Amino acid sequence: DFVSKRPRNLEFLFKKRFGWMNQYTEGKQLVVDLGSGLGFSREFIMNPIVLTDIIKYPWTDQQVDALNPPFKDGTVDVFICSHVVHHLAYPMVFFENIMRMLKPGGYLVIQELETSLFFKILLRLMESEGWDLNKDVFNRNAQCTDFDKDPWSANCAIPHLLFDDPRLFEKNIPGLKVVRNELSECFIFPLSGGVLVKVPVPTLPLFMLKSIDVIDGVLVSLFPKVFALGRRVVLQKI
């Protein structure tokens, strides 16, 4: 539906979420999108990419559980994860497997949510996914989502708990270095109308979307704990 209609607001958001990843994927031999969902990454990432998901959709290349990918050790140049980390029941297991499968110097490129005040308000209004800041994300045996009850359950606080302090992350996962960690997105996210949960929004002209994006950048820079709805993270295997 997106490919045929390409709603302008949503396409603008996707370009922001995936376009920046090209600098890490360009010229790479094996780039794998874990949890690719509807497969939008292929529309915006120029390099050939292997689409995987826990469900075998017609557009995916492989059916893969992100917690237990089937790739051989030291063979993957880049893993991409867009809005997957906050669904991981056992984040430490995930990072251990990813680190083992990456080539030396390889990247794990992540686009995620950020549980700012604004984001928590949006979640309450939409009666959508929740968050729990009390989970021990660095405990290999601690379950961070309600996976036993619902395989699609989410804890939107997981990315914040993992990456808010890069030194803490690197201390707990010494084989991965945080080379990029920045907050992003504000009003441009809800104005997209959503990907799965559709919300009616007016289609805005490109100049207005660009202006809102600039305003978002200022708000996120000045008041990150209030306005940031997204986070970009790049981890490199050392």
C-alpha atoms as a PDB file:
ATOM      1  CA  ASP A   1       0.000   0.000   0.000  1.00  0.00           C
ATOM      2  CA  PHE A   2       2.834   2.402   0.844  1.00  0.00           C
ATOM      3  CA  VAL A   3       4.725   1.558  -2.357  1.00  0.00           C
ATOM      4  CA  SER A   4       1.686   2.286  -4.536  1.00  0.00           C
ATOM      5  CA  LYS A   5       0.375   5.379  -2.714  1.00  0.00           C
ATOM      6  CA  ARG A   6       3.579   6.730  -1.056  1.00  0.00           C
ATOM      7  CA  PRO A   7       1.812   9.169   1.341  1.00  0.00           C
ATOM      8  CA  ARG A   8       4.094  12.202   1.549  1.00  0.00           C
ATOM      9  CA  ASN A   9       4.214  12.573   5.340  1.00  0.00           C
ATOM     10  CA  LEU A  10       5.065   8.908   5.886  1.00  0.00           C
ATOM     11  CA  GLU A  11       7.629   8.846   3.087  1.00  0.00           C
ATOM     12  CA  PHE A  12       9.358  11.860   4.617  1.00  0.00           C
ATOM     13  CA  LEU A  13       9.579  10.020   7.947  1.00  0.00           C
ATOM     14  CA  PHE A  14      10.936   6.851   6.330  1.00  0.00           C
ATOM     15  CA  LYS A  15      13.606   8.822   4.483  1.00  0.00           C
ATOM     16  CA  LYS A  16      14.718  10.220   7.829  1.00  0.00           C
ATOM     17  CA  ARG A  17      14.685   6.822   9.515  1.00  0.00           C
ATOM     18  CA  PHE A  18      16.531   4.895   6.815  1.00  0.00           C
ATOM     19  CA  GLY A  19      18.382   7.437   4.690  1.00  0.00           C
ATOM     20  CA  TRP A  20      21.079   8.116   7.288  1.00  0.00           C
ATOM     21  CA  MET A  21      21.947   4.414   7.369  1.00  0.00           C
ATOM     22  CA  ASN A  22      23.360   4.515   3.822  1.00  0.00           C
ATOM     23  CA  GLN A  23      26.698   5.847   5.042  1.00  0.00           C
ATOM     24  CA  TYR A  24      27.206   2.587   6.964  1.00  0.00           C
ATOM     25  CA  THR A  25      25.839   0.173   4.336  1.00  0.00           C
ATOM     26  CA  GLU A  26      27.325   1.588   1.127  1.00  0.00           C
ATOM     27  CA  GLY A  27      29.529  -0.913  -0.679  1.00  0.00           C
ATOM     28  CA  LYS A  28      29.049  -3.643   1.935  1.00  0.00           C
ATOM     29  CA  GLN A  29      28.755  -7.261   0.842  1.00  0.00           C
ATOM     30  CA  LEU A  30      26.206  -8.585   3.354  1.00  0.00           C
ATOM     31  CA  VAL A  31      23.672  -6.212   4.911  1.00  0.00           C
ATOM     32  CA  VAL A  32      20.867  -7.833   6.923  1.00  0.00           C
ATOM     33  CA  ASP A  33      17.700  -6.124   8.116  1.00  0.00           C
ATOM     34  CA  LEU A  34      16.506  -7.975  11.227  1.00  0.00           C
ATOM     35  CA  GLY A  35      12.791  -7.638  11.880  1.00  0.00           C
ATOM     36  CA  SER A  36      12.205  -5.825   8.607  1.00  0.00           C
ATOM     37  CA  GLY A  37       8.431  -5.975   8.976  1.00  0.00           C
ATOM     38  CA  LEU A  38       6.843  -4.477   5.890  1.00  0.00           C
ATOM     39  CA  GLY A  39      10.241  -4.162   4.230  1.00  0.00           C
ATOM     40  CA  PHE A  40      10.434  -0.378   3.904  1.00  0.00           C
ATOM     41  CA  SER A  41      14.221  -0.336   4.361  1.00  0.00           C
ATOM     42  CA  ARG A  42      14.709  -1.659   0.835  1.00  0.00           C
ATOM     43  CA  GLU A  43      12.975   1.447  -0.525  1.00  0.00           C
ATOM     44  CA  PHE A  44      15.479   3.821   1.061  1.00  0.00           C
ATOM     45  CA  ILE A  45      18.765   1.931   1.476  1.00  0.00           C
ATOM     46  CA  MET A  46      20.730   1.895  -1.767  1.00  0.00           C
ATOM     47  CA  ASN A  47      22.880  -1.165  -1.034  1.00  0.00           C
ATOM     48  CA  PRO A  48      21.489  -4.675  -1.651  1.00  0.00           C
ATOM     49  CA  ILE A  49      19.896  -5.825   1.581  1.00  0.00           C
ATOM     50  CA  VAL A  50      18.599  -9.114   2.978  1.00  0.00           C
ATOM     51  CA  LEU A  51      15.132  -8.666   4.491  1.00  0.00           C
ATOM     52  CA  THR A  52      14.342 -10.958   7.430  1.00  0.00           C
ATOM     53  CA  ASP A  53      11.484 -11.239   9.881  1.00  0.00           C
ATOM     54  CA  ILE A  54      10.108 -13.732  12.371  1.00  0.00           C
ATOM     55  CA  ILE A  55       7.137 -14.090   9.983  1.00  0.00           C
ATOM     56  CA  LYS A  56       7.749 -15.213   6.390  1.00  0.00           C
ATOM     57  CA  TYR A  57       6.117 -12.454   4.373  1.00  0.00           C
ATOM     58  CA  PRO A  58       6.125 -12.623   0.550  1.00  0.00           C
ATOM     59  CA  TRP A  59       8.659  -9.776   0.401  1.00  0.00           C
ATOM     60  CA  THR A  60      11.119 -11.126   2.989  1.00  0.00           C
ATOM     61  CA  ASP A  61      14.148 -13.169   1.979  1.00  0.00           C
ATOM     62  CA  GLN A  62      14.460 -15.271   5.145  1.00  0.00           C
ATOM     63  CA  GLN A  63      12.375 -16.158   8.175  1.00  0.00           C
ATOM     64  CA  VAL A  64      14.599 -15.260  11.136  1.00  0.00           C
ATOM     65  CA  ASP A  65      14.199 -14.908  14.891  1.00  0.00           C
ATOM     66  CA  ALA A  66      16.161 -11.772  15.824  1.00  0.00           C
ATOM     67  CA  LEU A  67      17.206 -13.372  19.118  1.00  0.00           C
ATOM     68  CA  ASN A  68      18.756 -16.315  17.268  1.00  0.00           C
ATOM     69  CA  PRO A  69      19.847 -15.340  13.729  1.00  0.00           C
ATOM     70  CA  PRO A  70      21.182 -18.178  11.547  1.00  0.00           C
ATOM     71  CA  PHE A  71      24.216 -16.397  10.063  1.00  0.00           C
ATOM     72  CA  LYS A  72      27.709 -17.828  10.403  1.00  0.00           C
ATOM     73  CA  ASP A  73      30.192 -16.230  12.773  1.00  0.00           C
ATOM     74  CA  GLY A  74      32.081 -13.263  11.347  1.00  0.00           C
ATOM     75  CA  THR A  75      30.156 -13.111   8.058  1.00  0.00           C
ATOM     76  CA  VAL A  76      27.818 -10.092   8.307  1.00  0.00           C
ATOM     77  CA  ASP A  77      29.030  -6.586   7.411  1.00  0.00           C
ATOM     78  CA  VAL A  78      26.013  -4.696   8.753  1.00  0.00           C
ATOM     79  CA  PHE A  79      22.909  -5.583  10.723  1.00  0.00           C
ATOM     80  CA  ILE A  80      20.030  -3.096  10.578  1.00  0.00           C
ATOM     81  CA  CYS A  81      17.322  -2.942  13.252  1.00  0.00           C
ATOM     82  CA  SER A  82      14.509  -0.425  12.920  1.00  0.00           C
ATOM     83  CA  HIS A  83      12.131  -0.416  15.881  1.00  0.00           C
ATOM     84  CA  VAL A  84      13.071  -3.955  16.880  1.00  0.00           C
ATOM     85  CA  VAL A  85      15.119  -3.490  20.063  1.00  0.00           C
ATOM     86  CA  HIS A  86      12.125  -2.423  22.165  1.00  0.00           C
ATOM     87  CA  HIS A  87      10.519  -5.808  21.382  1.00  0.00           C
ATOM     88  CA  LEU A  88      13.494  -7.899  22.559  1.00  0.00           C
ATOM     89  CA  ALA A  89      12.700 -10.083  25.556  1.00  0.00           C
ATOM     90  CA  TYR A  90      16.414 -10.694  26.219  1.00  0.00           C
ATOM     91  CA  PRO A  91      18.547  -7.823  24.857  1.00  0.00           C
ATOM     92  CA  MET A  92      21.844  -9.261  26.119  1.00  0.00           C
ATOM     93  CA  VAL A  93      21.287 -12.518  24.225  1.00  0.00           C
ATOM     94  CA  PHE A  94      20.590 -10.464  21.116  1.00  0.00           C
ATOM     95  CA  PHE A  95      23.794  -8.410  21.368  1.00  0.00           C
ATOM     96  CA  GLU A  96      25.927 -11.466  22.110  1.00  0.00           C
ATOM     97  CA  ASN A  97      24.699 -13.199  18.957  1.00  0.00           C
ATOM     98  CA  ILE A  98      25.001 -10.084  16.799  1.00  0.00           C
ATOM     99  CA  MET A  99      28.566  -9.452  17.996  1.00  0.00           C
ATOM    100  CA  ARG A 100      29.536 -13.030  17.151  1.00  0.00           C
ATOM    101  CA  MET A 101      28.089 -12.880  13.617  1.00  0.00           C
ATOM    102  CA  LEU A 102      29.495  -9.472  12.665  1.00  0.00           C
ATOM    103  CA  LYS A 103      32.780  -9.177  10.832  1.00  0.00           C
ATOM    104  CA  PRO A 104      35.521  -7.312  12.736  1.00  0.00           C
ATOM    105  CA  GLY A 105      34.706  -3.626  12.294  1.00  0.00           C
ATOM    106  CA  GLY A 106      31.138  -4.463  11.267  1.00  0.00           C
ATOM    107  CA  TYR A 107      28.153  -2.352  12.311  1.00  0.00           C
ATOM    108  CA  LEU A 108      24.832  -2.769  14.066  1.00  0.00           C
ATOM    109  CA  VAL A 109      22.720   0.193  12.924  1.00  0.00           C
ATOM    110  CA  ILE A 110      19.680   0.938  15.062  1.00  0.00           C
ATOM    111  CA  GLN A 111      16.690   3.255  14.722  1.00  0.00           C
ATOM    112  CA  GLU A 112      14.586   3.216  17.864  1.00  0.00           C
ATOM    113  CA  LEU A 113      12.080   4.934  20.123  1.00  0.00           C
ATOM    114  CA  GLU A 114      12.899   7.253  23.009  1.00  0.00           C
ATOM    115  CA  THR A 115      10.649   7.429  26.064  1.00  0.00           C
ATOM    116  CA  SER A 116      10.488  11.185  26.500  1.00  0.00           C
ATOM    117  CA  LEU A 117       7.589  12.901  28.257  1.00  0.00           C
ATOM    118  CA  PHE A 118       5.918  13.633  24.911  1.00  0.00           C
ATOM    119  CA  PHE A 119       6.272  10.019  23.819  1.00  0.00           C
ATOM    120  CA  LYS A 120       4.724   8.707  27.030  1.00  0.00           C
ATOM    121  CA  ILE A 121       1.765  11.046  26.508  1.00  0.00           C
ATOM    122  CA  LEU A 122       1.320   9.769  22.952  1.00  0.00           C
ATOM    123  CA  LEU A 123       1.394   6.159  24.142  1.00  0.00           C
ATOM    124  CA  ARG A 124      -1.279   6.891  26.729  1.00  0.00           C
ATOM    125  CA  LEU A 125      -3.469   8.677  24.184  1.00  0.00           C
ATOM    126  CA  MET A 126      -3.150   5.861  21.641  1.00  0.00           C
ATOM    127  CA  GLU A 127      -3.465   3.142  24.311  1.00  0.00           C
ATOM    128  CA  SER A 128      -0.506   1.560  22.574  1.00  0.00           C
ATOM    129  CA  GLU A 129       2.737  -0.099  23.730  1.00  0.00           C
ATOM    130  CA  GLY A 130       3.876   0.533  27.292  1.00  0.00           C
ATOM    131  CA  TRP A 131       7.190   1.046  29.054  1.00  0.00           C
ATOM    132  CA  ASP A 132       8.940  -0.209  32.181  1.00  0.00           C
ATOM    133  CA  LEU A 133      12.071   1.596  33.326  1.00  0.00           C
ATOM    134  CA  ASN A 134      12.730  -0.951  36.082  1.00  0.00           C
ATOM    135  CA  LYS A 135      13.880  -3.811  33.855  1.00  0.00           C
ATOM    136  CA  ASP A 136      17.509  -4.914  34.130  1.00  0.00           C
ATOM    137  CA  VAL A 137      18.391  -4.867  30.423  1.00  0.00           C
ATOM    138  CA  PHE A 138      22.004  -5.916  31.105  1.00  0.00           C
ATOM    139  CA  ASN A 139      21.013  -9.087  32.930  1.00  0.00           C
ATOM    140  CA  ARG A 140      21.213 -11.946  30.447  1.00  0.00           C
ATOM    141  CA  ASN A 141      18.501 -13.900  32.280  1.00  0.00           C
ATOM    142  CA  ALA A 142      16.096 -11.025  32.938  1.00  0.00           C
ATOM    143  CA  GLN A 143      13.048 -10.969  30.678  1.00  0.00           C
ATOM    144  CA  CYS A 144      12.349  -7.390  29.582  1.00  0.00           C
ATOM    145  CA  THR A 145       9.011  -7.824  27.785  1.00  0.00           C
ATOM    146  CA  ASP A 146       5.892  -9.921  28.335  1.00  0.00           C
ATOM    147  CA  PHE A 147       7.046 -12.364  25.662  1.00  0.00           C
ATOM    148  CA  ASP A 148       5.462 -15.354  27.429  1.00  0.00           C
ATOM    149  CA  LYS A 149       2.018 -13.761  27.153  1.00  0.00           C
ATOM    150  CA  ASP A 150       2.458 -12.012  23.811  1.00  0.00           C
ATOM    151  CA  PRO A 151       5.355 -12.585  21.359  1.00  0.00           C
ATOM    152  CA  TRP A 152       4.743  -9.074  19.976  1.00  0.00           C
ATOM    153  CA  SER A 153       4.829  -7.376  23.367  1.00  0.00           C
ATOM    154  CA  ALA A 154       7.040  -4.333  23.781  1.00  0.00           C
ATOM    155  CA  ASN A 155       8.817  -2.334  26.425  1.00  0.00           C
ATOM    156  CA  CYS A 156       9.483   1.080  24.908  1.00  0.00           C
ATOM    157  CA  ALA A 157      11.962   1.913  27.681  1.00  0.00           C
ATOM    158  CA  ILE A 158      14.495  -0.711  26.531  1.00  0.00           C
ATOM    159  CA  PRO A 159      16.385   1.559  24.076  1.00  0.00           C
ATOM    160  CA  HIS A 160      16.680   4.306  26.696  1.00  0.00           C
ATOM    161  CA  LEU A 161      17.899   1.869  29.338  1.00  0.00           C
ATOM    162  CA  LEU A 162      20.475   0.433  26.936  1.00  0.00           C
ATOM    163  CA  PHE A 163      21.868   3.555  25.309  1.00  0.00           C
ATOM    164  CA  ASP A 164      21.252   6.571  27.529  1.00  0.00           C
ATOM    165  CA  ASP A 165      24.688   6.007  29.084  1.00  0.00           C
ATOM    166  CA  PRO A 166      27.066   4.709  26.351  1.00  0.00           C
ATOM    167  CA  ARG A 167      29.784   3.967  28.896  1.00  0.00           C
ATOM    168  CA  LEU A 168      27.439   1.657  30.794  1.00  0.00           C
ATOM    169  CA  PHE A 169      26.547  -0.135  27.567  1.00  0.00           C
ATOM    170  CA  GLU A 170      30.204  -0.634  26.593  1.00  0.00           C
ATOM    171  CA  LYS A 171      31.033  -1.828  30.107  1.00  0.00           C
ATOM    172  CA  ASN A 172      28.384  -4.544  29.900  1.00  0.00           C
ATOM    173  CA  ILE A 173      29.019  -5.434  26.244  1.00  0.00           C
ATOM    174  CA  PRO A 174      32.744  -4.754  25.769  1.00  0.00           C
ATOM    175  CA  GLY A 175      32.915  -6.148  22.227  1.00  0.00           C
ATOM    176  CA  LEU A 176      30.657  -3.416  20.824  1.00  0.00           C
ATOM    177  CA  LYS A 177      31.662   0.250  20.721  1.00  0.00           C
ATOM    178  CA  VAL A 178      29.045   3.034  20.563  1.00  0.00           C
ATOM    179  CA  VAL A 179      30.147   5.168  17.612  1.00  0.00           C
ATOM    180  CA  ARG A 180      26.888   7.098  17.199  1.00  0.00           C
ATOM    181  CA  ASN A 181      24.137   7.815  19.692  1.00  0.00           C
ATOM    182  CA  GLU A 182      21.763  10.700  19.061  1.00  0.00           C
ATOM    183  CA  LEU A 183      18.167  11.631  19.719  1.00  0.00           C
ATOM    184  CA  SER A 184      15.827  12.512  16.876  1.00  0.00           C
ATOM    185  CA  GLU A 185      12.226  13.067  15.769  1.00  0.00           C
ATOM    186  CA  CYS A 186       9.387  14.900  17.402  1.00  0.00           C
ATOM    187  CA  PHE A 187       6.252  16.187  15.651  1.00  0.00           C
ATOM    188  CA  ILE A 188       7.245  14.647  12.330  1.00  0.00           C
ATOM    189  CA  PHE A 189       6.583  11.210  13.881  1.00  0.00           C
ATOM    190  CA  PRO A 190       2.881  11.626  14.812  1.00  0.00           C
ATOM    191  CA  LEU A 191       2.296  13.721  11.667  1.00  0.00           C
ATOM    192  CA  SER A 192       3.265  10.689   9.569  1.00  0.00           C
ATOM    193  CA  GLY A 193      -0.086   9.118  10.428  1.00  0.00           C
ATOM    194  CA  GLY A 194       1.571   5.927  11.644  1.00  0.00           C
ATOM    195  CA  VAL A 195       2.683   2.728   9.969  1.00  0.00           C
ATOM    196  CA  LEU A 196       0.427   0.059  11.473  1.00  0.00           C
ATOM    197  CA  VAL A 197      -1.931   2.155  13.612  1.00  0.00           C
ATOM    198  CA  LYS A 198      -3.346   4.562  11.055  1.00  0.00           C
ATOM    199  CA  VAL A 199      -4.272   8.038  12.283  1.00  0.00           C
ATOM    200  CA  PRO A 200      -5.911  10.496   9.867  1.00  0.00           C
ATOM    201  CA  VAL A 201      -3.533  13.402   9.211  1.00  0.00           C
ATOM    202  CA  PRO A 202      -3.518  16.114   6.543  1.00  0.00           C
ATOM    203  CA  THR A 203      -0.999  15.637   3.737  1.00  0.00           C
ATOM    204  CA  LEU A 204       1.529  18.428   4.146  1.00  0.00           C
ATOM    205  CA  PRO A 205       3.610  20.055   1.408  1.00  0.00           C
ATOM    206  CA  LEU A 206       7.297  19.188   1.388  1.00  0.00           C
ATOM    207  CA  PHE A 207       8.427  22.658   2.473  1.00  0.00           C
ATOM    208  CA  MET A 208       6.207  22.414   5.566  1.00  0.00           C
ATOM    209  CA  LEU A 209       7.542  18.960   6.450  1.00  0.00           C
ATOM    210  CA  LYS A 210      11.091  20.293   6.158  1.00  0.00           C
ATOM    211  CA  SER A 211      10.207  23.262   8.363  1.00  0.00           C
ATOM    212  CA  ILE A 212       8.687  20.982  11.009  1.00  0.00           C
ATOM    213  CA  ASP A 213      11.817  18.837  10.830  1.00  0.00           C
ATOM    214  CA  VAL A 214      13.963  21.891  11.611  1.00  0.00           C
ATOM    215  CA  ILE A 215      11.718  22.791  14.546  1.00  0.00           C
ATOM    216  CA  ASP A 216      11.969  19.189  15.758  1.00  0.00           C
ATOM    217  CA  GLY A 217      15.752  19.423  15.694  1.00  0.00           C
ATOM    218  CA  VAL A 218      15.710  22.532  17.867  1.00  0.00           C
ATOM    219  CA  LEU A 219      13.234  21.091  20.372  1.00  0.00           C
ATOM    220  CA  VAL A 220      15.103  17.784  20.668  1.00  0.00           C
ATOM    221  CA  SER A 221      18.401  19.605  21.085  1.00  0.00           C
ATOM    222  CA  LEU A 222      17.137  21.986  23.781  1.00  0.00           C
ATOM    223  CA  PHE A 223      14.685  19.712  25.623  1.00  0.00           C
ATOM    224  CA  PRO A 224      15.549  16.066  24.818  1.00  0.00           C
ATOM    225  CA  LYS A 225      13.790  14.562  27.843  1.00  0.00           C
ATOM    226  CA  VAL A 226      10.575  16.313  26.868  1.00  0.00           C
ATOM    227  CA  PHE A 227      10.415  16.078  23.061  1.00  0.00           C
ATOM    228  CA  ALA A 228      12.676  13.329  21.662  1.00  0.00           C
ATOM    229  CA  LEU A 229      10.661  10.468  20.160  1.00  0.00           C
ATOM    230  CA  GLY A 230      13.480   8.634  18.417  1.00  0.00           C
ATOM    231  CA  ARG A 231      17.081   7.527  18.846  1.00  0.00           C
ATOM    232  CA  ARG A 232      19.776   6.637  16.298  1.00  0.00           C
ATOM    233  CA  VAL A 233      22.514   4.283  17.462  1.00  0.00           C
ATOM    234  CA  VAL A 234      25.468   2.743  15.655  1.00  0.00           C
ATOM    235  CA  LEU A 235      27.502   0.009  17.330  1.00  0.00           C
ATOM    236  CA  GLN A 236      30.774  -1.262  15.877  1.00  0.00           C
ATOM    237  CA  LYS A 237      32.422  -4.593  16.584  1.00  0.00           C
ATOM    238  CA  ILE A 238      35.939  -4.069  17.913  1.00  0.00           C
END
